[in-house]
């Protein structure tokens, strides 16, 4: 099983924890950059959350 498959499996099994991790990471980036890139970080957090929600709906992703 490749690392990508493992990550996708984790996302499918624990989407809430993954989304919390994305939010925490974005908050850390905002703090360390003084909010200079907040718009970009927020957009990345939103896209990552959407991806996680999509993967969370796939309990058994196909082997790629």
PDB file of N, CA and C in Angstrom:
ATOM      1  N   UNK A   1       0.853  -1.174   0.000  1.00  0.00           N
ATOM      2  CA  UNK A   1       0.000   0.000   0.000  1.00  0.00           C
ATOM      3  C   UNK A   1       0.902   1.242   0.000  1.00  0.00           C
ATOM      4  N   UNK A   2       0.639   2.141  -0.929  1.00  0.00           N
ATOM      5  CA  UNK A   2       1.456   3.354  -1.028  1.00  0.00           C
ATOM      6  C   UNK A   2       1.090   4.347   0.075  1.00  0.00           C
ATOM      7  N   UNK A   3       1.942   5.322   0.259  1.00  0.00           N
ATOM      8  CA  UNK A   3       1.697   6.349   1.288  1.00  0.00           C
ATOM      9  C   UNK A   3       0.430   7.123   0.966  1.00  0.00           C
ATOM     10  N   UNK A   4       0.184   7.371  -0.307  1.00  0.00           N
ATOM     11  CA  UNK A   4      -1.023   8.105  -0.701  1.00  0.00           C
ATOM     12  C   UNK A   4      -2.268   7.306  -0.347  1.00  0.00           C
ATOM     13  N   UNK A   5      -2.229   6.014  -0.571  1.00  0.00           N
ATOM     14  CA  UNK A   5      -3.366   5.167  -0.211  1.00  0.00           C
ATOM     15  C   UNK A   5      -3.603   5.171   1.293  1.00  0.00           C
ATOM     16  N   UNK A   6      -2.521   5.167   2.052  1.00  0.00           N
ATOM     17  CA  UNK A   6      -2.645   5.189   3.510  1.00  0.00           C
ATOM     18  C   UNK A   6      -3.257   6.503   3.988  1.00  0.00           C
ATOM     19  N   UNK A   7      -2.815   7.611   3.388  1.00  0.00           N
ATOM     20  CA  UNK A   7      -3.363   8.918   3.769  1.00  0.00           C
ATOM     21  C   UNK A   7      -4.842   8.984   3.419  1.00  0.00           C
ATOM     22  N   UNK A   8      -5.207   8.518   2.237  1.00  0.00           N
ATOM     23  CA  UNK A   8      -6.617   8.527   1.833  1.00  0.00           C
ATOM     24  C   UNK A   8      -7.459   7.664   2.772  1.00  0.00           C
ATOM     25  N   UNK A   9      -6.909   6.532   3.179  1.00  0.00           N
ATOM     26  CA  UNK A   9      -7.621   5.662   4.108  1.00  0.00           C
ATOM     27  C   UNK A   9      -7.827   6.369   5.447  1.00  0.00           C
ATOM     28  N   UNK A  10      -6.780   7.050   5.932  1.00  0.00           N
ATOM     29  CA  UNK A  10      -6.874   7.782   7.194  1.00  0.00           C
ATOM     30  C   UNK A  10      -7.929   8.872   7.091  1.00  0.00           C
ATOM     31  N   UNK A  11      -7.939   9.599   5.971  1.00  0.00           N
ATOM     32  CA  UNK A  11      -8.923  10.662   5.789  1.00  0.00           C
ATOM     33  C   UNK A  11     -10.329  10.099   5.816  1.00  0.00           C
ATOM     34  N   UNK A  12     -10.513   8.956   5.199  1.00  0.00           N
ATOM     35  CA  UNK A  12     -11.831   8.335   5.169  1.00  0.00           C
ATOM     36  C   UNK A  12     -12.295   7.855   6.531  1.00  0.00           C
ATOM     37  N   UNK A  13     -11.354   7.452   7.367  1.00  0.00           N
ATOM     38  CA  UNK A  13     -11.705   6.919   8.680  1.00  0.00           C
ATOM     39  C   UNK A  13     -11.808   7.999   9.753  1.00  0.00           C
ATOM     40  N   UNK A  14     -11.096   9.098   9.576  1.00  0.00           N
ATOM     41  CA  UNK A  14     -11.032  10.135  10.608  1.00  0.00           C
ATOM     42  C   UNK A  14     -11.132  11.543  10.014  1.00  0.00           C
ATOM     43  N   UNK A  15     -12.182  11.839   9.265  1.00  0.00           N
ATOM     44  CA  UNK A  15     -12.259  13.153   8.615  1.00  0.00           C
ATOM     45  C   UNK A  15     -12.315  14.327   9.592  1.00  0.00           C
ATOM     46  N   UNK A  16     -12.968  14.157  10.723  1.00  0.00           N
ATOM     47  CA  UNK A  16     -13.061  15.258  11.695  1.00  0.00           C
ATOM     48  C   UNK A  16     -11.689  15.612  12.269  1.00  0.00           C
ATOM     49  N   UNK A  17     -10.909  14.590  12.589  1.00  0.00           N
ATOM     50  CA  UNK A  17      -9.570  14.833  13.130  1.00  0.00           C
ATOM     51  C   UNK A  17      -8.677  15.478  12.073  1.00  0.00           C
ATOM     52  N   UNK A  18      -8.807  15.045  10.829  1.00  0.00           N
ATOM     53  CA  UNK A  18      -7.998  15.612   9.752  1.00  0.00           C
ATOM     54  C   UNK A  18      -8.334  17.086   9.554  1.00  0.00           C
ATOM     55  N   UNK A  19      -9.617  17.425   9.594  1.00  0.00           N
ATOM     56  CA  UNK A  19     -10.023  18.819   9.420  1.00  0.00           C
ATOM     57  C   UNK A  19      -9.512  19.683  10.574  1.00  0.00           C
ATOM     58  N   UNK A  20      -9.538  19.143  11.794  1.00  0.00           N
ATOM     59  CA  UNK A  20      -8.995  19.878  12.938  1.00  0.00           C
ATOM     60  C   UNK A  20      -7.504  20.126  12.755  1.00  0.00           C
ATOM     61  N   UNK A  21      -6.796  19.144  12.218  1.00  0.00           N
ATOM     62  CA  UNK A  21      -5.370  19.292  11.970  1.00  0.00           C
ATOM     63  C   UNK A  21      -5.080  20.368  10.940  1.00  0.00           C
ATOM     64  N   UNK A  22      -5.891  20.428   9.896  1.00  0.00           N
ATOM     65  CA  UNK A  22      -5.737  21.457   8.870  1.00  0.00           C
ATOM     66  C   UNK A  22      -5.974  22.831   9.480  1.00  0.00           C
ATOM     67  N   UNK A  23      -6.990  22.955  10.309  1.00  0.00           N
ATOM     68  CA  UNK A  23      -7.289  24.243  10.950  1.00  0.00           C
ATOM     69  C   UNK A  23      -6.151  24.678  11.863  1.00  0.00           C
ATOM     70  N   UNK A  24      -5.622  23.732  12.651  1.00  0.00           N
ATOM     71  CA  UNK A  24      -4.521  24.056  13.561  1.00  0.00           C
ATOM     72  C   UNK A  24      -3.287  24.492  12.778  1.00  0.00           C
ATOM     73  N   UNK A  25      -2.985  23.776  11.699  1.00  0.00           N
ATOM     74  CA  UNK A  25      -1.814  24.112  10.890  1.00  0.00           C
ATOM     75  C   UNK A  25      -1.967  25.508  10.289  1.00  0.00           C
ATOM     76  N   UNK A  26      -3.148  25.819   9.794  1.00  0.00           N
ATOM     77  CA  UNK A  26      -3.393  27.142   9.239  1.00  0.00           C
ATOM     78  C   UNK A  26      -3.250  28.232  10.280  1.00  0.00           C
ATOM     79  N   UNK A  27      -3.721  27.955  11.474  1.00  0.00           N
ATOM     80  CA  UNK A  27      -3.603  28.931  12.565  1.00  0.00           C
ATOM     81  C   UNK A  27      -2.139  29.185  12.924  1.00  0.00           C
ATOM     82  N   UNK A  28      -1.332  28.130  12.924  1.00  0.00           N
ATOM     83  CA  UNK A  28       0.087  28.270  13.224  1.00  0.00           C
ATOM     84  C   UNK A  28       0.766  29.119  12.150  1.00  0.00           C
ATOM     85  N   UNK A  29       0.441  28.849  10.895  1.00  0.00           N
ATOM     86  CA  UNK A  29       1.024  29.630   9.798  1.00  0.00           C
ATOM     87  C   UNK A  29       0.634  31.098   9.939  1.00  0.00           C
ATOM     88  N   UNK A  30      -0.625  31.346  10.231  1.00  0.00           N
ATOM     89  CA  UNK A  30      -1.071  32.737  10.414  1.00  0.00           C
ATOM     90  C   UNK A  30      -0.309  33.428  11.542  1.00  0.00           C
ATOM     91  N   UNK A  31      -0.129  32.722  12.651  1.00  0.00           N
ATOM     92  CA  UNK A  31       0.589  33.301  13.786  1.00  0.00           C
ATOM     93  C   UNK A  31       2.038  33.610  13.427  1.00  0.00           C
ATOM     94  N   UNK A  32       2.680  32.668  12.770  1.00  0.00           N
ATOM     95  CA  UNK A  32       4.108  32.830  12.464  1.00  0.00           C
ATOM     96  C   UNK A  32       4.366  33.880  11.383  1.00  0.00           C
ATOM     97  N   UNK A  33       3.380  34.117  10.535  1.00  0.00           N
ATOM     98  CA  UNK A  33       3.560  35.122   9.477  1.00  0.00           C
ATOM     99  C   UNK A  33       2.888  36.436   9.839  1.00  0.00           C
ATOM    100  N   UNK A  34       2.338  36.513  11.029  1.00  0.00           N
ATOM    101  CA  UNK A  34       1.662  37.729  11.453  1.00  0.00           C
ATOM    102  C   UNK A  34       0.405  38.012  10.654  1.00  0.00           C
ATOM    103  N   UNK A  35      -0.183  36.988  10.091  1.00  0.00           N
ATOM    104  CA  UNK A  35      -1.416  37.141   9.322  1.00  0.00           C
ATOM    105  C   UNK A  35      -1.191  37.699   7.919  1.00  0.00           C
ATOM    106  N   UNK A  36       0.070  37.833   7.532  1.00  0.00           N
ATOM    107  CA  UNK A  36       0.399  38.419   6.230  1.00  0.00           C
ATOM    108  C   UNK A  36      -0.214  37.635   5.069  1.00  0.00           C
ATOM    109  N   UNK A  37      -0.322  36.343   5.206  1.00  0.00           N
ATOM    110  CA  UNK A  37      -0.848  35.490   4.138  1.00  0.00           C
ATOM    111  C   UNK A  37      -2.184  34.856   4.521  1.00  0.00           C
ATOM    112  N   UNK A  38      -2.915  35.496   5.399  1.00  0.00           N
ATOM    113  CA  UNK A  38      -4.148  34.925   5.940  1.00  0.00           C
ATOM    114  C   UNK A  38      -5.144  34.542   4.851  1.00  0.00           C
ATOM    115  N   UNK A  39      -5.292  35.393   3.830  1.00  0.00           N
ATOM    116  CA  UNK A  39      -6.240  35.076   2.763  1.00  0.00           C
ATOM    117  C   UNK A  39      -5.861  33.773   2.068  1.00  0.00           C
ATOM    118  N   UNK A  40      -4.580  33.606   1.801  1.00  0.00           N
ATOM    119  CA  UNK A  40      -4.116  32.410   1.100  1.00  0.00           C
ATOM    120  C   UNK A  40      -4.239  31.167   1.980  1.00  0.00           C
ATOM    121  N   UNK A  41      -3.907  31.337   3.236  1.00  0.00           N
ATOM    122  CA  UNK A  41      -4.000  30.222   4.181  1.00  0.00           C
ATOM    123  C   UNK A  41      -5.460  29.799   4.337  1.00  0.00           C
ATOM    124  N   UNK A  42      -6.357  30.767   4.462  1.00  0.00           N
ATOM    125  CA  UNK A  42      -7.776  30.456   4.610  1.00  0.00           C
ATOM    126  C   UNK A  42      -8.311  29.706   3.394  1.00  0.00           C
ATOM    127  N   UNK A  43      -7.882  30.135   2.222  1.00  0.00           N
ATOM    128  CA  UNK A  43      -8.324  29.462   0.994  1.00  0.00           C
ATOM    129  C   UNK A  43      -7.811  28.024   0.960  1.00  0.00           C
ATOM    130  N   UNK A  44      -6.558  27.841   1.368  1.00  0.00           N
ATOM    131  CA  UNK A  44      -5.990  26.494   1.429  1.00  0.00           C
ATOM    132  C   UNK A  44      -6.706  25.618   2.437  1.00  0.00           C
ATOM    133  N   UNK A  45      -7.046  26.198   3.586  1.00  0.00           N
ATOM    134  CA  UNK A  45      -7.788  25.445   4.599  1.00  0.00           C
ATOM    135  C   UNK A  45      -9.155  25.035   4.061  1.00  0.00           C
ATOM    136  N   UNK A  46      -9.807  25.935   3.354  1.00  0.00           N
ATOM    137  CA  UNK A  46     -11.131  25.646   2.802  1.00  0.00           C
ATOM    138  C   UNK A  46     -11.043  24.516   1.776  1.00  0.00           C
ATOM    139  N   UNK A  47     -10.073  24.596   0.869  1.00  0.00           N
ATOM    140  CA  UNK A  47      -9.914  23.566  -0.163  1.00  0.00           C
ATOM    141  C   UNK A  47      -9.562  22.225   0.462  1.00  0.00           C
ATOM    142  N   UNK A  48      -8.693  22.242   1.456  1.00  0.00           N
ATOM    143  CA  UNK A  48      -8.323  20.999   2.127  1.00  0.00           C
ATOM    144  C   UNK A  48      -9.527  20.397   2.834  1.00  0.00           C
ATOM    145  N   UNK A  49     -10.333  21.247   3.481  1.00  0.00           N
ATOM    146  CA  UNK A  49     -11.542  20.760   4.149  1.00  0.00           C
ATOM    147  C   UNK A  49     -12.518  20.137   3.176  1.00  0.00           C
ATOM    148  N   UNK A  50     -12.666  20.751   2.008  1.00  0.00           N
ATOM    149  CA  UNK A  50     -13.559  20.205   0.981  1.00  0.00           C
ATOM    150  C   UNK A  50     -13.053  18.848   0.497  1.00  0.00           C
ATOM    151  N   UNK A  51     -11.741  18.742   0.314  1.00  0.00           N
ATOM    152  CA  UNK A  51     -11.158  17.478  -0.124  1.00  0.00           C
ATOM    153  C   UNK A  51     -11.371  16.394   0.936  1.00  0.00           C
ATOM    154  N   UNK A  52     -11.137  16.766   2.181  1.00  0.00           N
ATOM    155  CA  UNK A  52     -11.308  15.801   3.277  1.00  0.00           C
ATOM    156  C   UNK A  52     -12.748  15.339   3.350  1.00  0.00           C
ATOM    157  N   UNK A  53     -13.692  16.259   3.213  1.00  0.00           N
ATOM    158  CA  UNK A  53     -15.104  15.878   3.241  1.00  0.00           C
ATOM    159  C   UNK A  53     -15.423  14.919   2.104  1.00  0.00           C
ATOM    160  N   UNK A  54     -14.853  15.157   0.935  1.00  0.00           N
ATOM    161  CA  UNK A  54     -15.065  14.264  -0.203  1.00  0.00           C
ATOM    162  C   UNK A  54     -14.488  12.887   0.043  1.00  0.00           C
ATOM    163  N   UNK A  55     -13.280  12.837   0.610  1.00  0.00           N
ATOM    164  CA  UNK A  55     -12.651  11.555   0.918  1.00  0.00           C
ATOM    165  C   UNK A  55     -13.362  10.866   2.078  1.00  0.00           C
ATOM    166  N   UNK A  56     -13.897  11.646   2.991  1.00  0.00           N
ATOM    167  CA  UNK A  56     -14.605  11.064   4.134  1.00  0.00           C
ATOM    168  C   UNK A  56     -15.853  10.320   3.715  1.00  0.00           C
ATOM    169  N   UNK A  57     -16.427  10.704   2.587  1.00  0.00           N
ATOM    170  CA  UNK A  57     -17.600  10.012   2.070  1.00  0.00           C
ATOM    171  C   UNK A  57     -17.270   8.703   1.384  1.00  0.00           C
ATOM    172  N   UNK A  58     -15.986   8.482   1.162  1.00  0.00           N
ATOM    173  CA  UNK A  58     -15.535   7.259   0.498  1.00  0.00           C
ATOM    174  C   UNK A  58     -14.905   6.347   1.519  1.00  0.00           C
ATOM    175  N   UNK A  59     -15.673   5.460   2.055  1.00  0.00           N
ATOM    176  CA  UNK A  59     -15.160   4.576   3.106  1.00  0.00           C
ATOM    177  C   UNK A  59     -14.146   3.577   2.567  1.00  0.00           C
ATOM    178  N   UNK A  60     -14.320   3.105   1.352  1.00  0.00           N
ATOM    179  CA  UNK A  60     -13.404   2.134   0.756  1.00  0.00           C
ATOM    180  C   UNK A  60     -12.918   2.685  -0.589  1.00  0.00           C
ATOM    181  N   UNK A  61     -11.920   3.570  -0.574  1.00  0.00           N
ATOM    182  CA  UNK A  61     -11.460   4.142  -1.832  1.00  0.00           C
ATOM    183  C   UNK A  61     -10.850   3.064  -2.718  1.00  0.00           C
ATOM    184  N   UNK A  62     -11.011   3.187  -4.030  1.00  0.00           N
ATOM    185  CA  UNK A  62     -10.448   2.192  -4.928  1.00  0.00           C
ATOM    186  C   UNK A  62      -8.931   2.215  -4.862  1.00  0.00           C
ATOM    187  N   UNK A  63      -8.318   1.076  -5.051  1.00  0.00           N
ATOM    188  CA  UNK A  63      -6.858   0.993  -5.036  1.00  0.00           C
ATOM    189  C   UNK A  63      -6.320   1.654  -6.291  1.00  0.00           C
ATOM    190  N   UNK A  64      -5.458   2.643  -6.083  1.00  0.00           N
ATOM    191  CA  UNK A  64      -4.900   3.356  -7.243  1.00  0.00           C
ATOM    192  C   UNK A  64      -3.420   3.098  -7.368  1.00  0.00           C
TER     193      UNK A  64
END
